[in-house]
Amino acid sequence: MEGSGPFALFKWAAALKDWQVFAEGFGMTLLYSVISLAISIALGIFFGVLGSARNLPSKAINRIYVEFIQNTPLVIQIFFLYYALPYAGIIMPVFLVGVLGIGVYHGAYMAEAVRAGIGSVPKGQLEAAYSQGFSYWSAMWHVVLPQAKRLAFPPMTNISVNLIKNTSVMAMVAGGELMYRADSWSSEYIYYGPAYVITGILYLAVCYPLATYSRSLEKKSEARYA
């Protein structure tokens, strides 16, 4: 422990002394996560409802968004927003690039979860809403989605876990989040072991409870429909 290996005490002492670096990065990661999650849920509901519509144009819009986003890497999408858009005269702060890029990416997965949830609701529910004078969107919001959330919520929670972990891609464009702070600090001191162990523990502290909660929701859902 006191030698020159990755677990040398003086390296851990240096990391703990600079705890503010990791705390600030962790706070920024949480901020990225919360705002990106809000964007992804909003997009997921909108495109999930579009994908459940009976008219072909709405379904086509859903498929274009979902297939394009899901079949291109998140890092490429972040690079496009950060490096390519300025050539078109569109320059965004790195934080905005992050929340939009991460939010839009995970919104495609949220949309599929919402669409699956809507598909589990009996079609008679929508028809009954029409008979009461509801429009398609109001019927979805007031009648179908409240029932669909029972099936959609567990995978949406799991997607949220992936969203938090994927905020780490912002390290590639100096996003200021936890992974970027860990990279910067460890590169300065060449103490990589403590930096990445602390980073992993902080991600675990957020993601593990959410992942556990997601599994419990899945078990309850399976028991309900068994």
C-alpha atoms as a PDB file:
ATOM      1  CA  MET A   1       0.000   0.000   0.000  1.00  0.00           C
ATOM      2  CA  GLU A   2       2.873   2.411   0.734  1.00  0.00           C
ATOM      3  CA  GLY A   3       4.825   1.609  -2.427  1.00  0.00           C
ATOM      4  CA  SER A   4       4.608   3.154  -5.873  1.00  0.00           C
ATOM      5  CA  GLY A   5       1.665   1.108  -7.161  1.00  0.00           C
ATOM      6  CA  PRO A   6      -1.826   2.376  -7.973  1.00  0.00           C
ATOM      7  CA  PHE A   7      -2.884   1.942  -4.324  1.00  0.00           C
ATOM      8  CA  ALA A   8       0.026   3.840  -2.774  1.00  0.00           C
ATOM      9  CA  LEU A   9      -1.152   5.836   0.222  1.00  0.00           C
ATOM     10  CA  PHE A  10       0.403   9.110  -0.927  1.00  0.00           C
ATOM     11  CA  LYS A  11      -1.644   8.941  -4.140  1.00  0.00           C
ATOM     12  CA  TRP A  12      -4.857   8.467  -2.202  1.00  0.00           C
ATOM     13  CA  ALA A  13      -3.860  11.275   0.141  1.00  0.00           C
ATOM     14  CA  ALA A  14      -3.404  13.575  -2.854  1.00  0.00           C
ATOM     15  CA  ALA A  15      -6.810  12.567  -4.272  1.00  0.00           C
ATOM     16  CA  LEU A  16      -8.578  13.123  -0.960  1.00  0.00           C
ATOM     17  CA  LYS A  17      -6.837  16.461  -0.521  1.00  0.00           C
ATOM     18  CA  ASP A  18      -8.300  17.580  -3.868  1.00  0.00           C
ATOM     19  CA  TRP A  19     -11.752  16.169  -3.134  1.00  0.00           C
ATOM     20  CA  GLN A  20     -13.334  19.405  -4.396  1.00  0.00           C
ATOM     21  CA  VAL A  21     -12.237  18.503  -7.932  1.00  0.00           C
ATOM     22  CA  PHE A  22     -14.236  15.278  -7.842  1.00  0.00           C
ATOM     23  CA  ALA A  23     -17.145  16.861  -5.957  1.00  0.00           C
ATOM     24  CA  GLU A  24     -17.491  19.627  -8.550  1.00  0.00           C
ATOM     25  CA  GLY A  25     -17.316  17.095 -11.379  1.00  0.00           C
ATOM     26  CA  PHE A  26     -19.888  14.906  -9.661  1.00  0.00           C
ATOM     27  CA  GLY A  27     -22.205  17.883  -9.232  1.00  0.00           C
ATOM     28  CA  MET A  28     -21.856  18.721 -12.923  1.00  0.00           C
ATOM     29  CA  THR A  29     -22.579  15.097 -13.849  1.00  0.00           C
ATOM     30  CA  LEU A  30     -25.792  15.219 -11.816  1.00  0.00           C
ATOM     31  CA  LEU A  31     -26.773  18.485 -13.499  1.00  0.00           C
ATOM     32  CA  TYR A  32     -26.152  17.003 -16.957  1.00  0.00           C
ATOM     33  CA  SER A  33     -28.142  13.932 -15.936  1.00  0.00           C
ATOM     34  CA  VAL A  34     -31.190  15.739 -14.560  1.00  0.00           C
ATOM     35  CA  ILE A  35     -31.628  18.123 -17.504  1.00  0.00           C
ATOM     36  CA  SER A  36     -30.823  15.468 -20.119  1.00  0.00           C
ATOM     37  CA  LEU A  37     -33.275  13.092 -18.455  1.00  0.00           C
ATOM     38  CA  ALA A  38     -36.036  15.697 -18.602  1.00  0.00           C
ATOM     39  CA  ILE A  39     -35.353  16.223 -22.312  1.00  0.00           C
ATOM     40  CA  SER A  40     -35.233  12.490 -23.035  1.00  0.00           C
ATOM     41  CA  ILE A  41     -38.532  11.830 -21.235  1.00  0.00           C
ATOM     42  CA  ALA A  42     -40.270  14.668 -23.074  1.00  0.00           C
ATOM     43  CA  LEU A  43     -38.970  13.407 -26.423  1.00  0.00           C
ATOM     44  CA  GLY A  44     -39.745   9.817 -25.475  1.00  0.00           C
ATOM     45  CA  ILE A  45     -43.368  10.605 -24.719  1.00  0.00           C
ATOM     46  CA  PHE A  46     -43.798  12.719 -27.853  1.00  0.00           C
ATOM     47  CA  PHE A  47     -42.210  10.256 -30.272  1.00  0.00           C
ATOM     48  CA  GLY A  48     -43.643   7.237 -28.439  1.00  0.00           C
ATOM     49  CA  VAL A  49     -47.146   8.625 -28.942  1.00  0.00           C
ATOM     50  CA  LEU A  50     -46.319   9.420 -32.587  1.00  0.00           C
ATOM     51  CA  GLY A  51     -45.136   5.856 -33.096  1.00  0.00           C
ATOM     52  CA  SER A  52     -48.416   4.532 -31.723  1.00  0.00           C
ATOM     53  CA  ALA A  53     -50.572   6.612 -34.071  1.00  0.00           C
ATOM     54  CA  ARG A  54     -52.504   4.934 -36.860  1.00  0.00           C
ATOM     55  CA  ASN A  55     -51.461   7.328 -39.619  1.00  0.00           C
ATOM     56  CA  LEU A  56     -48.327   6.509 -41.578  1.00  0.00           C
ATOM     57  CA  PRO A  57     -46.659   9.975 -41.507  1.00  0.00           C
ATOM     58  CA  SER A  58     -46.582   9.969 -37.685  1.00  0.00           C
ATOM     59  CA  LYS A  59     -45.151   6.460 -37.611  1.00  0.00           C
ATOM     60  CA  ALA A  60     -42.588   7.420 -40.252  1.00  0.00           C
ATOM     61  CA  ILE A  61     -41.405  10.393 -38.184  1.00  0.00           C
ATOM     62  CA  ASN A  62     -41.037   8.107 -35.170  1.00  0.00           C
ATOM     63  CA  ARG A  63     -39.030   5.508 -37.099  1.00  0.00           C
ATOM     64  CA  ILE A  64     -36.709   8.060 -38.708  1.00  0.00           C
ATOM     65  CA  TYR A  65     -35.856   9.574 -35.331  1.00  0.00           C
ATOM     66  CA  VAL A  66     -35.497   6.275 -33.477  1.00  0.00           C
ATOM     67  CA  GLU A  67     -33.548   4.400 -36.155  1.00  0.00           C
ATOM     68  CA  PHE A  68     -31.147   7.263 -36.886  1.00  0.00           C
ATOM     69  CA  ILE A  69     -30.384   8.004 -33.238  1.00  0.00           C
ATOM     70  CA  GLN A  70     -30.129   4.397 -32.076  1.00  0.00           C
ATOM     71  CA  ASN A  71     -27.885   3.352 -34.957  1.00  0.00           C
ATOM     72  CA  THR A  72     -25.281   6.105 -34.643  1.00  0.00           C
ATOM     73  CA  PRO A  73     -22.897   6.361 -31.664  1.00  0.00           C
ATOM     74  CA  LEU A  74     -23.572   9.000 -29.032  1.00  0.00           C
ATOM     75  CA  VAL A  75     -20.018  10.277 -29.269  1.00  0.00           C
ATOM     76  CA  ILE A  76     -20.471  10.983 -33.002  1.00  0.00           C
ATOM     77  CA  GLN A  77     -23.637  12.942 -32.252  1.00  0.00           C
ATOM     78  CA  ILE A  78     -21.826  14.972 -29.578  1.00  0.00           C
ATOM     79  CA  PHE A  79     -18.935  15.661 -31.956  1.00  0.00           C
ATOM     80  CA  PHE A  80     -21.395  16.772 -34.643  1.00  0.00           C
ATOM     81  CA  LEU A  81     -23.033  19.272 -32.288  1.00  0.00           C
ATOM     82  CA  TYR A  82     -19.722  20.517 -30.928  1.00  0.00           C
ATOM     83  CA  TYR A  83     -17.479  20.529 -34.004  1.00  0.00           C
ATOM     84  CA  ALA A  84     -19.694  20.462 -37.109  1.00  0.00           C
ATOM     85  CA  LEU A  85     -22.500  22.904 -36.276  1.00  0.00           C
ATOM     86  CA  PRO A  86     -20.106  25.874 -35.877  1.00  0.00           C
ATOM     87  CA  TYR A  87     -19.344  25.562 -39.608  1.00  0.00           C
ATOM     88  CA  ALA A  88     -23.038  26.289 -40.186  1.00  0.00           C
ATOM     89  CA  GLY A  89     -22.823  29.295 -37.888  1.00  0.00           C
ATOM     90  CA  ILE A  90     -24.454  27.507 -34.936  1.00  0.00           C
ATOM     91  CA  ILE A  91     -22.234  27.718 -31.859  1.00  0.00           C
ATOM     92  CA  MET A  92     -23.562  26.340 -28.581  1.00  0.00           C
ATOM     93  CA  PRO A  93     -22.000  26.297 -25.117  1.00  0.00           C
ATOM     94  CA  VAL A  94     -20.537  22.924 -24.243  1.00  0.00           C
ATOM     95  CA  PHE A  95     -23.153  22.402 -21.525  1.00  0.00           C
ATOM     96  CA  LEU A  96     -25.980  22.898 -24.021  1.00  0.00           C
ATOM     97  CA  VAL A  97     -24.249  20.508 -26.423  1.00  0.00           C
ATOM     98  CA  GLY A  98     -24.165  17.938 -23.643  1.00  0.00           C
ATOM     99  CA  VAL A  99     -27.745  18.118 -22.439  1.00  0.00           C
ATOM    100  CA  LEU A 100     -29.119  18.221 -25.992  1.00  0.00           C
ATOM    101  CA  GLY A 101     -26.886  15.451 -27.283  1.00  0.00           C
ATOM    102  CA  ILE A 102     -27.430  13.123 -24.331  1.00  0.00           C
ATOM    103  CA  GLY A 103     -31.124  13.989 -24.057  1.00  0.00           C
ATOM    104  CA  VAL A 104     -31.895  13.449 -27.728  1.00  0.00           C
ATOM    105  CA  TYR A 105     -29.916  10.199 -27.831  1.00  0.00           C
ATOM    106  CA  HIS A 106     -31.696   8.615 -24.889  1.00  0.00           C
ATOM    107  CA  GLY A 107     -35.011  10.078 -25.996  1.00  0.00           C
ATOM    108  CA  ALA A 108     -35.006   7.543 -28.829  1.00  0.00           C
ATOM    109  CA  TYR A 109     -34.793   4.684 -26.327  1.00  0.00           C
ATOM    110  CA  MET A 110     -37.422   6.312 -24.130  1.00  0.00           C
ATOM    111  CA  ALA A 111     -39.692   6.545 -27.183  1.00  0.00           C
ATOM    112  CA  GLU A 112     -39.504   2.797 -27.718  1.00  0.00           C
ATOM    113  CA  ALA A 113     -40.270   2.139 -24.061  1.00  0.00           C
ATOM    114  CA  VAL A 114     -43.281   4.469 -24.204  1.00  0.00           C
ATOM    115  CA  ARG A 115     -44.478   2.938 -27.482  1.00  0.00           C
ATOM    116  CA  ALA A 116     -44.282  -0.547 -25.957  1.00  0.00           C
ATOM    117  CA  GLY A 117     -46.189   0.656 -22.918  1.00  0.00           C
ATOM    118  CA  ILE A 118     -48.916   2.164 -25.074  1.00  0.00           C
ATOM    119  CA  GLY A 119     -49.107  -1.076 -27.035  1.00  0.00           C
ATOM    120  CA  SER A 120     -49.930  -2.955 -23.823  1.00  0.00           C
ATOM    121  CA  VAL A 121     -53.053  -0.861 -23.220  1.00  0.00           C
ATOM    122  CA  PRO A 122     -56.218  -2.394 -24.754  1.00  0.00           C
ATOM    123  CA  LYS A 123     -57.284  -0.542 -27.896  1.00  0.00           C
ATOM    124  CA  GLY A 124     -60.769  -0.222 -26.443  1.00  0.00           C
ATOM    125  CA  GLN A 125     -59.429   2.364 -24.009  1.00  0.00           C
ATOM    126  CA  LEU A 126     -58.547   4.741 -26.848  1.00  0.00           C
ATOM    127  CA  GLU A 127     -61.833   4.111 -28.615  1.00  0.00           C
ATOM    128  CA  ALA A 128     -63.748   4.786 -25.403  1.00  0.00           C
ATOM    129  CA  ALA A 129     -61.874   8.085 -25.032  1.00  0.00           C
ATOM    130  CA  TYR A 130     -62.820   9.026 -28.610  1.00  0.00           C
ATOM    131  CA  SER A 131     -66.453   8.339 -27.778  1.00  0.00           C
ATOM    132  CA  GLN A 132     -66.203  10.828 -24.931  1.00  0.00           C
ATOM    133  CA  GLY A 133     -64.978  13.562 -27.260  1.00  0.00           C
ATOM    134  CA  PHE A 134     -61.228  13.318 -26.610  1.00  0.00           C
ATOM    135  CA  SER A 135     -58.764  14.101 -29.388  1.00  0.00           C
ATOM    136  CA  TYR A 136     -55.922  11.650 -30.067  1.00  0.00           C
ATOM    137  CA  TRP A 137     -53.376  13.592 -28.014  1.00  0.00           C
ATOM    138  CA  SER A 138     -55.728  14.337 -25.130  1.00  0.00           C
ATOM    139  CA  ALA A 139     -56.838  10.696 -25.058  1.00  0.00           C
ATOM    140  CA  MET A 140     -53.229   9.595 -24.921  1.00  0.00           C
ATOM    141  CA  TRP A 141     -52.370  12.035 -22.142  1.00  0.00           C
ATOM    142  CA  HIS A 142     -55.415  11.507 -19.934  1.00  0.00           C
ATOM    143  CA  VAL A 143     -56.388   7.895 -20.625  1.00  0.00           C
ATOM    144  CA  VAL A 144     -53.703   5.772 -22.305  1.00  0.00           C
ATOM    145  CA  LEU A 145     -50.390   7.036 -20.896  1.00  0.00           C
ATOM    146  CA  PRO A 146     -51.431   6.720 -17.229  1.00  0.00           C
ATOM    147  CA  GLN A 147     -52.073   3.035 -17.892  1.00  0.00           C
ATOM    148  CA  ALA A 148     -49.020   2.583 -20.133  1.00  0.00           C
ATOM    149  CA  LYS A 149     -46.590   3.856 -17.494  1.00  0.00           C
ATOM    150  CA  ARG A 150     -46.901   0.593 -15.527  1.00  0.00           C
ATOM    151  CA  LEU A 151     -45.113  -1.260 -18.320  1.00  0.00           C
ATOM    152  CA  ALA A 152     -43.000   1.638 -19.627  1.00  0.00           C
ATOM    153  CA  PHE A 153     -41.574   2.864 -16.325  1.00  0.00           C
ATOM    154  CA  PRO A 154     -39.196  -0.069 -15.556  1.00  0.00           C
ATOM    155  CA  PRO A 155     -37.292   0.163 -18.885  1.00  0.00           C
ATOM    156  CA  MET A 156     -37.333   3.959 -18.663  1.00  0.00           C
ATOM    157  CA  THR A 157     -35.639   3.686 -15.270  1.00  0.00           C
ATOM    158  CA  ASN A 158     -33.012   1.399 -16.771  1.00  0.00           C
ATOM    159  CA  ILE A 159     -32.467   3.872 -19.615  1.00  0.00           C
ATOM    160  CA  SER A 160     -31.966   6.572 -16.985  1.00  0.00           C
ATOM    161  CA  VAL A 161     -29.089   4.548 -15.518  1.00  0.00           C
ATOM    162  CA  ASN A 162     -27.442   4.356 -18.942  1.00  0.00           C
ATOM    163  CA  LEU A 163     -27.991   8.085 -19.404  1.00  0.00           C
ATOM    164  CA  ILE A 164     -26.097   8.871 -16.202  1.00  0.00           C
ATOM    165  CA  LYS A 165     -23.179   6.653 -17.234  1.00  0.00           C
ATOM    166  CA  ASN A 166     -23.136   8.113 -20.735  1.00  0.00           C
ATOM    167  CA  THR A 167     -22.583  11.649 -19.426  1.00  0.00           C
ATOM    168  CA  SER A 168     -18.941  10.527 -19.331  1.00  0.00           C
ATOM    169  CA  VAL A 169     -18.681  11.102 -23.101  1.00  0.00           C
ATOM    170  CA  MET A 170     -18.600  14.842 -22.353  1.00  0.00           C
ATOM    171  CA  ALA A 171     -15.018  14.349 -21.187  1.00  0.00           C
ATOM    172  CA  MET A 172     -14.079  14.278 -24.890  1.00  0.00           C
ATOM    173  CA  VAL A 173     -15.193  17.889 -25.364  1.00  0.00           C
ATOM    174  CA  ALA A 174     -14.086  19.256 -21.977  1.00  0.00           C
ATOM    175  CA  GLY A 175     -17.582  19.071 -20.542  1.00  0.00           C
ATOM    176  CA  GLY A 176     -16.475  19.667 -16.954  1.00  0.00           C
ATOM    177  CA  GLU A 177     -18.283  16.600 -15.598  1.00  0.00           C
ATOM    178  CA  LEU A 178     -16.873  13.876 -13.357  1.00  0.00           C
ATOM    179  CA  MET A 179     -14.928  11.919 -15.965  1.00  0.00           C
ATOM    180  CA  TYR A 180     -13.369  15.074 -17.396  1.00  0.00           C
ATOM    181  CA  ARG A 181     -12.283  16.232 -13.921  1.00  0.00           C
ATOM    182  CA  ALA A 182     -10.858  12.781 -13.174  1.00  0.00           C
ATOM    183  CA  ASP A 183      -8.958  12.727 -16.478  1.00  0.00           C
ATOM    184  CA  SER A 184      -7.565  16.218 -15.910  1.00  0.00           C
ATOM    185  CA  TRP A 185      -6.545  15.577 -12.321  1.00  0.00           C
ATOM    186  CA  SER A 186      -4.950  12.194 -12.998  1.00  0.00           C
ATOM    187  CA  SER A 187      -3.062  13.538 -16.028  1.00  0.00           C
ATOM    188  CA  GLU A 188      -1.643  16.356 -13.939  1.00  0.00           C
ATOM    189  CA  TYR A 189      -0.425  14.140 -11.084  1.00  0.00           C
ATOM    190  CA  ILE A 190      -0.094  10.826 -12.955  1.00  0.00           C
ATOM    191  CA  TYR A 191      -2.181   9.216 -10.195  1.00  0.00           C
ATOM    192  CA  TYR A 192      -4.649   7.329 -12.359  1.00  0.00           C
ATOM    193  CA  GLY A 193      -5.624   4.580  -9.929  1.00  0.00           C
ATOM    194  CA  PRO A 194      -7.220   6.677  -7.159  1.00  0.00           C
ATOM    195  CA  ALA A 195      -8.846   9.059  -9.653  1.00  0.00           C
ATOM    196  CA  TYR A 196     -10.697   6.351 -11.553  1.00  0.00           C
ATOM    197  CA  VAL A 197     -11.569   4.300  -8.483  1.00  0.00           C
ATOM    198  CA  ILE A 198     -13.171   7.378  -6.891  1.00  0.00           C
ATOM    199  CA  THR A 199     -14.944   8.151 -10.166  1.00  0.00           C
ATOM    200  CA  GLY A 200     -16.273   4.601 -10.418  1.00  0.00           C
ATOM    201  CA  ILE A 201     -17.518   4.677  -6.820  1.00  0.00           C
ATOM    202  CA  LEU A 202     -19.381   7.951  -7.415  1.00  0.00           C
ATOM    203  CA  TYR A 203     -21.068   6.587 -10.544  1.00  0.00           C
ATOM    204  CA  LEU A 204     -21.914   3.408  -8.650  1.00  0.00           C
ATOM    205  CA  ALA A 205     -23.443   5.421  -5.795  1.00  0.00           C
ATOM    206  CA  VAL A 206     -25.992   6.897  -8.199  1.00  0.00           C
ATOM    207  CA  CYS A 207     -26.507   4.109 -10.725  1.00  0.00           C
ATOM    208  CA  TYR A 208     -26.716   1.080  -8.443  1.00  0.00           C
ATOM    209  CA  PRO A 209     -29.793   2.244  -6.472  1.00  0.00           C
ATOM    210  CA  LEU A 210     -31.533   3.177  -9.728  1.00  0.00           C
ATOM    211  CA  ALA A 211     -30.643  -0.161 -11.316  1.00  0.00           C
ATOM    212  CA  THR A 212     -31.906  -2.000  -8.225  1.00  0.00           C
ATOM    213  CA  TYR A 213     -35.114   0.008  -8.319  1.00  0.00           C
ATOM    214  CA  SER A 214     -35.521  -0.816 -12.015  1.00  0.00           C
ATOM    215  CA  ARG A 215     -35.176  -4.548 -11.325  1.00  0.00           C
ATOM    216  CA  SER A 216     -37.765  -4.366  -8.546  1.00  0.00           C
ATOM    217  CA  LEU A 217     -40.181  -2.596 -10.892  1.00  0.00           C
ATOM    218  CA  GLU A 218     -39.627  -5.265 -13.544  1.00  0.00           C
ATOM    219  CA  LYS A 219     -40.356  -8.040 -11.039  1.00  0.00           C
ATOM    220  CA  LYS A 220     -43.558  -6.305  -9.905  1.00  0.00           C
ATOM    221  CA  SER A 221     -44.600  -5.842 -13.530  1.00  0.00           C
ATOM    222  CA  GLU A 222     -43.934  -9.502 -14.325  1.00  0.00           C
ATOM    223  CA  ALA A 223     -45.907 -10.587 -11.268  1.00  0.00           C
ATOM    224  CA  ARG A 224     -48.822  -8.338 -12.210  1.00  0.00           C
ATOM    225  CA  TYR A 225     -49.061  -9.729 -15.752  1.00  0.00           C
ATOM    226  CA  ALA A 226     -48.233 -13.344 -14.866  1.00  0.00           C
END
